[in-house]
Amino acid sequence: MKDTNQVQEALESKAKKELGVIVDSFIIDLNALNNKYRQPTYYHMKENRSEDALVFQYVRPGCLENILHDMLVEAYLKPMVNKKTAELLNKLELI
């Protein structure tokens, strides 16, 4: 790697792959559930179980994987990269 930008990109890529494994595992389990019982035409997603809960939308099963992946990337990518950067710097004894 020639510069720190490439290191940053590599750490982000590694973090995204780690999040992808989590989503893939969930989707595999969900597909097994669908095959055993039935394939739903949509998932009704609500904030909570109350009557006045915010309804996100009716999500088609084919879109669920992308939604979950994007949600996890938005929530976890920055902290994961920060932690991986700190770990790398500790290994290099730069801190």
PDB file of N, CA and C in Angstrom:
ATOM      1  N   MET A   1       0.844  -1.175   0.000  1.00  0.00           N
ATOM      2  CA  MET A   1       0.000   0.000   0.000  1.00  0.00           C
ATOM      3  C   MET A   1       0.886   1.233   0.000  1.00  0.00           C
ATOM      4  N   LYS A   2       0.480   2.184  -0.802  1.00  0.00           N
ATOM      5  CA  LYS A   2       1.335   3.350  -1.007  1.00  0.00           C
ATOM      6  C   LYS A   2       1.085   4.482  -0.026  1.00  0.00           C
ATOM      7  N   ASP A   3      -0.142   4.614   0.469  1.00  0.00           N
ATOM      8  CA  ASP A   3      -0.409   5.730   1.368  1.00  0.00           C
ATOM      9  C   ASP A   3      -1.507   5.391   2.366  1.00  0.00           C
ATOM     10  N   THR A   4      -1.750   6.333   3.262  1.00  0.00           N
ATOM     11  CA  THR A   4      -2.735   6.092   4.317  1.00  0.00           C
ATOM     12  C   THR A   4      -4.154   5.991   3.776  1.00  0.00           C
ATOM     13  N   ASN A   5      -4.434   6.627   2.624  1.00  0.00           N
ATOM     14  CA  ASN A   5      -5.769   6.507   2.033  1.00  0.00           C
ATOM     15  C   ASN A   5      -6.065   5.059   1.665  1.00  0.00           C
ATOM     16  N   GLN A   6      -5.060   4.359   1.153  1.00  0.00           N
ATOM     17  CA  GLN A   6      -5.258   2.959   0.804  1.00  0.00           C
ATOM     18  C   GLN A   6      -5.461   2.107   2.056  1.00  0.00           C
ATOM     19  N   VAL A   7      -4.769   2.442   3.118  1.00  0.00           N
ATOM     20  CA  VAL A   7      -4.953   1.732   4.381  1.00  0.00           C
ATOM     21  C   VAL A   7      -6.371   1.962   4.886  1.00  0.00           C
ATOM     22  N   GLN A   8      -6.824   3.206   4.834  1.00  0.00           N
ATOM     23  CA  GLN A   8      -8.185   3.554   5.261  1.00  0.00           C
ATOM     24  C   GLN A   8      -9.216   2.792   4.427  1.00  0.00           C
ATOM     25  N   GLU A   9      -9.027   2.749   3.121  1.00  0.00           N
ATOM     26  CA  GLU A   9      -9.955   2.037   2.236  1.00  0.00           C
ATOM     27  C   GLU A   9      -9.954   0.545   2.543  1.00  0.00           C
ATOM     28  N   ALA A  10      -8.780  -0.013   2.835  1.00  0.00           N
ATOM     29  CA  ALA A  10      -8.689  -1.433   3.162  1.00  0.00           C
ATOM     30  C   ALA A  10      -9.409  -1.740   4.470  1.00  0.00           C
ATOM     31  N   LEU A  11      -9.272  -0.864   5.462  1.00  0.00           N
ATOM     32  CA  LEU A  11      -9.957  -1.060   6.737  1.00  0.00           C
ATOM     33  C   LEU A  11     -11.473  -0.958   6.560  1.00  0.00           C
ATOM     34  N   GLU A  12     -11.923  -0.019   5.746  1.00  0.00           N
ATOM     35  CA  GLU A  12     -13.355   0.116   5.474  1.00  0.00           C
ATOM     36  C   GLU A  12     -13.883  -1.115   4.752  1.00  0.00           C
ATOM     37  N   SER A  13     -13.126  -1.608   3.786  1.00  0.00           N
ATOM     38  CA  SER A  13     -13.526  -2.797   3.047  1.00  0.00           C
ATOM     39  C   SER A  13     -13.632  -4.003   3.974  1.00  0.00           C
ATOM     40  N   LYS A  14     -12.666  -4.147   4.859  1.00  0.00           N
ATOM     41  CA  LYS A  14     -12.685  -5.255   5.810  1.00  0.00           C
ATOM     42  C   LYS A  14     -13.897  -5.155   6.735  1.00  0.00           C
ATOM     43  N   ALA A  15     -14.201  -3.952   7.207  1.00  0.00           N
ATOM     44  CA  ALA A  15     -15.357  -3.750   8.080  1.00  0.00           C
ATOM     45  C   ALA A  15     -16.660  -4.054   7.337  1.00  0.00           C
ATOM     46  N   LYS A  16     -16.773  -3.613   6.089  1.00  0.00           N
ATOM     47  CA  LYS A  16     -17.982  -3.888   5.303  1.00  0.00           C
ATOM     48  C   LYS A  16     -18.162  -5.383   5.084  1.00  0.00           C
ATOM     49  N   LYS A  17     -17.061  -6.098   4.856  1.00  0.00           N
ATOM     50  CA  LYS A  17     -17.146  -7.548   4.688  1.00  0.00           C
ATOM     51  C   LYS A  17     -17.609  -8.216   5.972  1.00  0.00           C
ATOM     52  N   GLU A  18     -17.119  -7.729   7.101  1.00  0.00           N
ATOM     53  CA  GLU A  18     -17.524  -8.271   8.400  1.00  0.00           C
ATOM     54  C   GLU A  18     -19.026  -8.071   8.619  1.00  0.00           C
ATOM     55  N   LEU A  19     -19.523  -6.900   8.263  1.00  0.00           N
ATOM     56  CA  LEU A  19     -20.956  -6.630   8.370  1.00  0.00           C
ATOM     57  C   LEU A  19     -21.739  -7.483   7.374  1.00  0.00           C
ATOM     58  N   GLY A  20     -21.171  -7.686   6.200  1.00  0.00           N
ATOM     59  CA  GLY A  20     -21.808  -8.522   5.187  1.00  0.00           C
ATOM     60  C   GLY A  20     -21.991  -9.955   5.654  1.00  0.00           C
ATOM     61  N   VAL A  21     -21.033 -10.466   6.401  1.00  0.00           N
ATOM     62  CA  VAL A  21     -21.128 -11.827   6.941  1.00  0.00           C
ATOM     63  C   VAL A  21     -22.321 -11.929   7.900  1.00  0.00           C
ATOM     64  N   ILE A  22     -22.526 -10.903   8.693  1.00  0.00           N
ATOM     65  CA  ILE A  22     -23.653 -10.894   9.629  1.00  0.00           C
ATOM     66  C   ILE A  22     -24.978 -10.915   8.860  1.00  0.00           C
ATOM     67  N   VAL A  23     -25.077 -10.072   7.836  1.00  0.00           N
ATOM     68  CA  VAL A  23     -26.299 -10.020   7.026  1.00  0.00           C
ATOM     69  C   VAL A  23     -26.498 -11.344   6.297  1.00  0.00           C
ATOM     70  N   ASP A  24     -25.430 -11.871   5.703  1.00  0.00           N
ATOM     71  CA  ASP A  24     -25.534 -13.135   4.968  1.00  0.00           C
ATOM     72  C   ASP A  24     -26.027 -14.261   5.867  1.00  0.00           C
ATOM     73  N   SER A  25     -25.506 -14.317   7.088  1.00  0.00           N
ATOM     74  CA  SER A  25     -25.919 -15.346   8.038  1.00  0.00           C
ATOM     75  C   SER A  25     -27.407 -15.222   8.352  1.00  0.00           C
ATOM     76  N   PHE A  26     -27.859 -14.001   8.569  1.00  0.00           N
ATOM     77  CA  PHE A  26     -29.274 -13.782   8.857  1.00  0.00           C
ATOM     78  C   PHE A  26     -30.138 -14.176   7.656  1.00  0.00           C
ATOM     79  N   ILE A  27     -29.728 -13.796   6.466  1.00  0.00           N
ATOM     80  CA  ILE A  27     -30.498 -14.108   5.253  1.00  0.00           C
ATOM     81  C   ILE A  27     -30.549 -15.611   5.027  1.00  0.00           C
ATOM     82  N   ILE A  28     -29.457 -16.322   5.295  1.00  0.00           N
ATOM     83  CA  ILE A  28     -29.456 -17.787   5.159  1.00  0.00           C
ATOM     84  C   ILE A  28     -30.475 -18.403   6.118  1.00  0.00           C
ATOM     85  N   ASP A  29     -30.470 -17.934   7.361  1.00  0.00           N
ATOM     86  CA  ASP A  29     -31.449 -18.429   8.340  1.00  0.00           C
ATOM     87  C   ASP A  29     -32.872 -18.078   7.924  1.00  0.00           C
ATOM     88  N   LEU A  30     -33.061 -16.886   7.415  1.00  0.00           N
ATOM     89  CA  LEU A  30     -34.388 -16.448   6.972  1.00  0.00           C
ATOM     90  C   LEU A  30     -34.860 -17.282   5.784  1.00  0.00           C
ATOM     91  N   ASN A  31     -33.967 -17.570   4.847  1.00  0.00           N
ATOM     92  CA  ASN A  31     -34.325 -18.403   3.694  1.00  0.00           C
ATOM     93  C   ASN A  31     -34.711 -19.817   4.129  1.00  0.00           C
ATOM     94  N   ALA A  32     -34.006 -20.346   5.128  1.00  0.00           N
ATOM     95  CA  ALA A  32     -34.368 -21.667   5.654  1.00  0.00           C
ATOM     96  C   ALA A  32     -35.768 -21.627   6.267  1.00  0.00           C
ATOM     97  N   LEU A  33     -36.065 -20.569   6.985  1.00  0.00           N
ATOM     98  CA  LEU A  33     -37.391 -20.392   7.567  1.00  0.00           C
ATOM     99  C   LEU A  33     -38.450 -20.295   6.468  1.00  0.00           C
ATOM    100  N   ASN A  34     -38.153 -19.522   5.431  1.00  0.00           N
ATOM    101  CA  ASN A  34     -39.078 -19.368   4.301  1.00  0.00           C
ATOM    102  C   ASN A  34     -39.323 -20.699   3.597  1.00  0.00           C
ATOM    103  N   ASN A  35     -38.272 -21.476   3.413  1.00  0.00           N
ATOM    104  CA  ASN A  35     -38.413 -22.764   2.728  1.00  0.00           C
ATOM    105  C   ASN A  35     -39.218 -23.754   3.566  1.00  0.00           C
ATOM    106  N   LYS A  36     -39.090 -23.669   4.872  1.00  0.00           N
ATOM    107  CA  LYS A  36     -39.785 -24.601   5.753  1.00  0.00           C
ATOM    108  C   LYS A  36     -41.272 -24.267   5.878  1.00  0.00           C
ATOM    109  N   TYR A  37     -41.586 -22.989   5.952  1.00  0.00           N
ATOM    110  CA  TYR A  37     -42.966 -22.592   6.212  1.00  0.00           C
ATOM    111  C   TYR A  37     -43.644 -21.928   5.023  1.00  0.00           C
ATOM    112  N   ARG A  38     -43.118 -20.837   4.585  1.00  0.00           N
ATOM    113  CA  ARG A  38     -43.660 -20.151   3.402  1.00  0.00           C
ATOM    114  C   ARG A  38     -42.784 -18.948   3.089  1.00  0.00           C
ATOM    115  N   GLN A  39     -42.844 -18.515   1.866  1.00  0.00           N
ATOM    116  CA  GLN A  39     -42.119 -17.308   1.448  1.00  0.00           C
ATOM    117  C   GLN A  39     -43.096 -16.146   1.518  1.00  0.00           C
ATOM    118  N   PRO A  40     -42.885 -15.194   2.433  1.00  0.00           N
ATOM    119  CA  PRO A  40     -43.811 -14.060   2.507  1.00  0.00           C
ATOM    120  C   PRO A  40     -43.640 -13.143   1.290  1.00  0.00           C
ATOM    121  N   THR A  41     -44.692 -12.408   0.984  1.00  0.00           N
ATOM    122  CA  THR A  41     -44.608 -11.458  -0.124  1.00  0.00           C
ATOM    123  C   THR A  41     -44.039 -10.121   0.328  1.00  0.00           C
ATOM    124  N   TYR A  42     -44.054  -9.871   1.632  1.00  0.00           N
ATOM    125  CA  TYR A  42     -43.473  -8.648   2.192  1.00  0.00           C
ATOM    126  C   TYR A  42     -43.282  -8.827   3.689  1.00  0.00           C
ATOM    127  N   TYR A  43     -42.482  -7.928   4.269  1.00  0.00           N
ATOM    128  CA  TYR A  43     -42.318  -7.857   5.719  1.00  0.00           C
ATOM    129  C   TYR A  43     -42.878  -6.514   6.167  1.00  0.00           C
ATOM    130  N   HIS A  44     -43.760  -6.540   7.121  1.00  0.00           N
ATOM    131  CA  HIS A  44     -44.362  -5.330   7.682  1.00  0.00           C
ATOM    132  C   HIS A  44     -43.453  -4.888   8.823  1.00  0.00           C
ATOM    133  N   MET A  45     -42.785  -3.790   8.651  1.00  0.00           N
ATOM    134  CA  MET A  45     -41.812  -3.341   9.649  1.00  0.00           C
ATOM    135  C   MET A  45     -42.371  -2.157  10.425  1.00  0.00           C
ATOM    136  N   LYS A  46     -42.386  -2.306  11.755  1.00  0.00           N
ATOM    137  CA  LYS A  46     -42.883  -1.262  12.636  1.00  0.00           C
ATOM    138  C   LYS A  46     -41.828  -0.942  13.683  1.00  0.00           C
ATOM    139  N   GLU A  47     -41.872   0.266  14.182  1.00  0.00           N
ATOM    140  CA  GLU A  47     -40.933   0.708  15.212  1.00  0.00           C
ATOM    141  C   GLU A  47     -41.108  -0.083  16.502  1.00  0.00           C
ATOM    142  N   ASN A  48     -42.347  -0.337  16.869  1.00  0.00           N
ATOM    143  CA  ASN A  48     -42.648  -1.133  18.063  1.00  0.00           C
ATOM    144  C   ASN A  48     -44.020  -1.757  17.877  1.00  0.00           C
ATOM    145  N   ARG A  49     -44.554  -2.363  18.911  1.00  0.00           N
ATOM    146  CA  ARG A  49     -45.811  -3.107  18.774  1.00  0.00           C
ATOM    147  C   ARG A  49     -47.061  -2.303  19.082  1.00  0.00           C
ATOM    148  N   SER A  50     -46.925  -1.057  19.419  1.00  0.00           N
ATOM    149  CA  SER A  50     -48.110  -0.271  19.762  1.00  0.00           C
ATOM    150  C   SER A  50     -48.910   0.074  18.504  1.00  0.00           C
ATOM    151  N   GLU A  51     -50.154   0.439  18.735  1.00  0.00           N
ATOM    152  CA  GLU A  51     -51.045   0.763  17.615  1.00  0.00           C
ATOM    153  C   GLU A  51     -50.591   2.011  16.847  1.00  0.00           C
ATOM    154  N   ASP A  52     -49.992   2.961  17.552  1.00  0.00           N
ATOM    155  CA  ASP A  52     -49.575   4.209  16.907  1.00  0.00           C
ATOM    156  C   ASP A  52     -48.088   4.182  16.504  1.00  0.00           C
ATOM    157  N   ALA A  53     -47.520   3.000  16.398  1.00  0.00           N
ATOM    158  CA  ALA A  53     -46.101   2.873  16.047  1.00  0.00           C
ATOM    159  C   ALA A  53     -45.840   3.346  14.618  1.00  0.00           C
ATOM    160  N   LEU A  54     -44.664   3.865  14.431  1.00  0.00           N
ATOM    161  CA  LEU A  54     -44.240   4.273  13.098  1.00  0.00           C
ATOM    162  C   LEU A  54     -44.042   3.033  12.235  1.00  0.00           C
ATOM    163  N   VAL A  55     -44.716   2.995  11.089  1.00  0.00           N
ATOM    164  CA  VAL A  55     -44.566   1.889  10.146  1.00  0.00           C
ATOM    165  C   VAL A  55     -43.567   2.326   9.098  1.00  0.00           C
ATOM    166  N   PHE A  56     -42.507   1.544   8.962  1.00  0.00           N
ATOM    167  CA  PHE A  56     -41.480   1.921   8.005  1.00  0.00           C
ATOM    168  C   PHE A  56     -41.973   1.724   6.592  1.00  0.00           C
ATOM    169  N   GLN A  57     -42.427   0.544   6.273  1.00  0.00           N
ATOM    170  CA  GLN A  57     -43.027   0.238   4.984  1.00  0.00           C
ATOM    171  C   GLN A  57     -43.167  -1.266   4.860  1.00  0.00           C
ATOM    172  N   TYR A  58     -43.732  -1.672   3.756  1.00  0.00           N
ATOM    173  CA  TYR A  58     -43.805  -3.089   3.445  1.00  0.00           C
ATOM    174  C   TYR A  58     -42.564  -3.408   2.623  1.00  0.00           C
ATOM    175  N   VAL A  59     -41.700  -4.218   3.171  1.00  0.00           N
ATOM    176  CA  VAL A  59     -40.421  -4.504   2.534  1.00  0.00           C
ATOM    177  C   VAL A  59     -40.496  -5.859   1.846  1.00  0.00           C
ATOM    178  N   ARG A  60     -40.188  -5.857   0.560  1.00  0.00           N
ATOM    179  CA  ARG A  60     -40.137  -7.121  -0.179  1.00  0.00           C
ATOM    180  C   ARG A  60     -38.931  -7.927   0.291  1.00  0.00           C
ATOM    181  N   PRO A  61     -39.059  -9.242   0.375  1.00  0.00           N
ATOM    182  CA  PRO A  61     -37.942 -10.073   0.828  1.00  0.00           C
ATOM    183  C   PRO A  61     -36.652  -9.852   0.036  1.00  0.00           C
ATOM    184  N   GLY A  62     -36.752  -9.616  -1.248  1.00  0.00           N
ATOM    185  CA  GLY A  62     -35.558  -9.403  -2.063  1.00  0.00           C
ATOM    186  C   GLY A  62     -34.807  -8.126  -1.722  1.00  0.00           C
ATOM    187  N   CYS A  63     -35.484  -7.182  -1.095  1.00  0.00           N
ATOM    188  CA  CYS A  63     -34.858  -5.907  -0.715  1.00  0.00           C
ATOM    189  C   CYS A  63     -34.289  -5.928   0.699  1.00  0.00           C
ATOM    190  N   LEU A  64     -34.695  -6.893   1.481  1.00  0.00           N
ATOM    191  CA  LEU A  64     -34.324  -6.927   2.889  1.00  0.00           C
ATOM    192  C   LEU A  64     -32.811  -6.991   3.085  1.00  0.00           C
ATOM    193  N   GLU A  65     -32.119  -7.777   2.277  1.00  0.00           N
ATOM    194  CA  GLU A  65     -30.664  -7.913   2.419  1.00  0.00           C
ATOM    195  C   GLU A  65     -29.965  -6.566   2.251  1.00  0.00           C
ATOM    196  N   ASN A  66     -30.341  -5.807   1.229  1.00  0.00           N
ATOM    197  CA  ASN A  66     -29.720  -4.497   1.001  1.00  0.00           C
ATOM    198  C   ASN A  66     -30.049  -3.520   2.126  1.00  0.00           C
ATOM    199  N   ILE A  67     -31.287  -3.556   2.587  1.00  0.00           N
ATOM    200  CA  ILE A  67     -31.696  -2.661   3.675  1.00  0.00           C
ATOM    201  C   ILE A  67     -30.893  -2.957   4.932  1.00  0.00           C
ATOM    202  N   LEU A  68     -30.778  -4.227   5.277  1.00  0.00           N
ATOM    203  CA  LEU A  68     -30.022  -4.612   6.474  1.00  0.00           C
ATOM    204  C   LEU A  68     -28.552  -4.229   6.341  1.00  0.00           C
ATOM    205  N   HIS A  69     -27.977  -4.497   5.178  1.00  0.00           N
ATOM    206  CA  HIS A  69     -26.559  -4.177   4.969  1.00  0.00           C
ATOM    207  C   HIS A  69     -26.334  -2.668   5.089  1.00  0.00           C
ATOM    208  N   ASP A  70     -27.156  -1.885   4.418  1.00  0.00           N
ATOM    209  CA  ASP A  70     -27.012  -0.421   4.480  1.00  0.00           C
ATOM    210  C   ASP A  70     -27.210   0.103   5.894  1.00  0.00           C
ATOM    211  N   MET A  71     -28.172  -0.479   6.616  1.00  0.00           N
ATOM    212  CA  MET A  71     -28.446  -0.068   7.987  1.00  0.00           C
ATOM    213  C   MET A  71     -27.228  -0.322   8.880  1.00  0.00           C
ATOM    214  N   LEU A  72     -26.627  -1.510   8.743  1.00  0.00           N
ATOM    215  CA  LEU A  72     -25.463  -1.842   9.564  1.00  0.00           C
ATOM    216  C   LEU A  72     -24.248  -1.015   9.194  1.00  0.00           C
ATOM    217  N   VAL A  73     -24.051  -0.773   7.903  1.00  0.00           N
ATOM    218  CA  VAL A  73     -22.918   0.060   7.471  1.00  0.00           C
ATOM    219  C   VAL A  73     -23.058   1.459   8.052  1.00  0.00           C
ATOM    220  N   GLU A  74     -24.260   2.015   7.974  1.00  0.00           N
ATOM    221  CA  GLU A  74     -24.480   3.367   8.502  1.00  0.00           C
ATOM    222  C   GLU A  74     -24.253   3.421  10.016  1.00  0.00           C
ATOM    223  N   ALA A  75     -24.675   2.385  10.710  1.00  0.00           N
ATOM    224  CA  ALA A  75     -24.581   2.380  12.173  1.00  0.00           C
ATOM    225  C   ALA A  75     -23.190   2.011  12.686  1.00  0.00           C
ATOM    226  N   TYR A  76     -22.476   1.126  11.985  1.00  0.00           N
ATOM    227  CA  TYR A  76     -21.256   0.548  12.548  1.00  0.00           C
ATOM    228  C   TYR A  76     -19.962   0.829  11.799  1.00  0.00           C
ATOM    229  N   LEU A  77     -20.022   1.260  10.552  1.00  0.00           N
ATOM    230  CA  LEU A  77     -18.786   1.368   9.763  1.00  0.00           C
ATOM    231  C   LEU A  77     -17.766   2.296  10.407  1.00  0.00           C
ATOM    232  N   LYS A  78     -18.168   3.497  10.763  1.00  0.00           N
ATOM    233  CA  LYS A  78     -17.216   4.465  11.323  1.00  0.00           C
ATOM    234  C   LYS A  78     -16.595   3.965  12.624  1.00  0.00           C
ATOM    235  N   PRO A  79     -17.401   3.486  13.604  1.00  0.00           N
ATOM    236  CA  PRO A  79     -16.770   2.988  14.828  1.00  0.00           C
ATOM    237  C   PRO A  79     -15.885   1.765  14.593  1.00  0.00           C
ATOM    238  N   MET A  80     -16.277   0.914  13.659  1.00  0.00           N
ATOM    239  CA  MET A  80     -15.456  -0.266  13.367  1.00  0.00           C
ATOM    240  C   MET A  80     -14.109   0.146  12.781  1.00  0.00           C
ATOM    241  N   VAL A  81     -14.136   1.075  11.829  1.00  0.00           N
ATOM    242  CA  VAL A  81     -12.898   1.537  11.204  1.00  0.00           C
ATOM    243  C   VAL A  81     -12.022   2.246  12.232  1.00  0.00           C
ATOM    244  N   ASN A  82     -12.632   3.046  13.087  1.00  0.00           N
ATOM    245  CA  ASN A  82     -11.859   3.719  14.142  1.00  0.00           C
ATOM    246  C   ASN A  82     -11.169   2.709  15.057  1.00  0.00           C
ATOM    247  N   LYS A  83     -11.900   1.666  15.452  1.00  0.00           N
ATOM    248  CA  LYS A  83     -11.324   0.646  16.327  1.00  0.00           C
ATOM    249  C   LYS A  83     -10.224  -0.122  15.608  1.00  0.00           C
ATOM    250  N   LYS A  84     -10.462  -0.494  14.344  1.00  0.00           N
ATOM    251  CA  LYS A  84      -9.448  -1.218  13.576  1.00  0.00           C
ATOM    252  C   LYS A  84      -8.211  -0.349  13.352  1.00  0.00           C
ATOM    253  N   THR A  85      -8.399   0.941  13.161  1.00  0.00           N
ATOM    254  CA  THR A  85      -7.274   1.860  12.998  1.00  0.00           C
ATOM    255  C   THR A  85      -6.450   1.924  14.279  1.00  0.00           C
ATOM    256  N   ALA A  86      -7.135   2.040  15.419  1.00  0.00           N
ATOM    257  CA  ALA A  86      -6.435   2.080  16.708  1.00  0.00           C
ATOM    258  C   ALA A  86      -5.671   0.782  16.951  1.00  0.00           C
ATOM    259  N   GLU A  87      -6.294  -0.346  16.627  1.00  0.00           N
ATOM    260  CA  GLU A  87      -5.622  -1.636  16.802  1.00  0.00           C
ATOM    261  C   GLU A  87      -4.387  -1.732  15.915  1.00  0.00           C
ATOM    262  N   LEU A  88      -4.511  -1.268  14.684  1.00  0.00           N
ATOM    263  CA  LEU A  88      -3.379  -1.286  13.755  1.00  0.00           C
ATOM    264  C   LEU A  88      -2.253  -0.392  14.261  1.00  0.00           C
ATOM    265  N   LEU A  89      -2.586   0.785  14.706  1.00  0.00           N
ATOM    266  CA  LEU A  89      -1.558   1.698  15.221  1.00  0.00           C
ATOM    267  C   LEU A  89      -0.881   1.130  16.471  1.00  0.00           C
ATOM    268  N   ASN A  90      -1.659   0.449  17.304  1.00  0.00           N
ATOM    269  CA  ASN A  90      -1.065  -0.195  18.487  1.00  0.00           C
ATOM    270  C   ASN A  90      -0.100  -1.293  18.075  1.00  0.00           C
ATOM    271  N   LYS A  91      -0.477  -2.062  17.057  1.00  0.00           N
ATOM    272  CA  LYS A  91       0.410  -3.131  16.567  1.00  0.00           C
ATOM    273  C   LYS A  91       1.691  -2.555  16.001  1.00  0.00           C
ATOM    274  N   LEU A  92       1.569  -1.420  15.368  1.00  0.00           N
ATOM    275  CA  LEU A  92       2.752  -0.775  14.792  1.00  0.00           C
ATOM    276  C   LEU A  92       3.534   0.036  15.830  1.00  0.00           C
ATOM    277  N   GLU A  93       2.948   0.106  17.032  1.00  0.00           N
ATOM    278  CA  GLU A  93       3.547   0.846  18.142  1.00  0.00           C
ATOM    279  C   GLU A  93       3.777   2.320  17.793  1.00  0.00           C
ATOM    280  N   LEU A  94       2.778   2.890  17.106  1.00  0.00           N
ATOM    281  CA  LEU A  94       2.863   4.308  16.729  1.00  0.00           C
ATOM    282  C   LEU A  94       2.176   5.203  17.752  1.00  0.00           C
ATOM    283  N   ILE A  95       1.409   4.600  18.629  1.00  0.00           N
ATOM    284  CA  ILE A  95       0.712   5.402  19.658  1.00  0.00           C
ATOM    285  C   ILE A  95       1.403   5.167  20.985  1.00  0.00           C
TER     286      ILE A  95
END
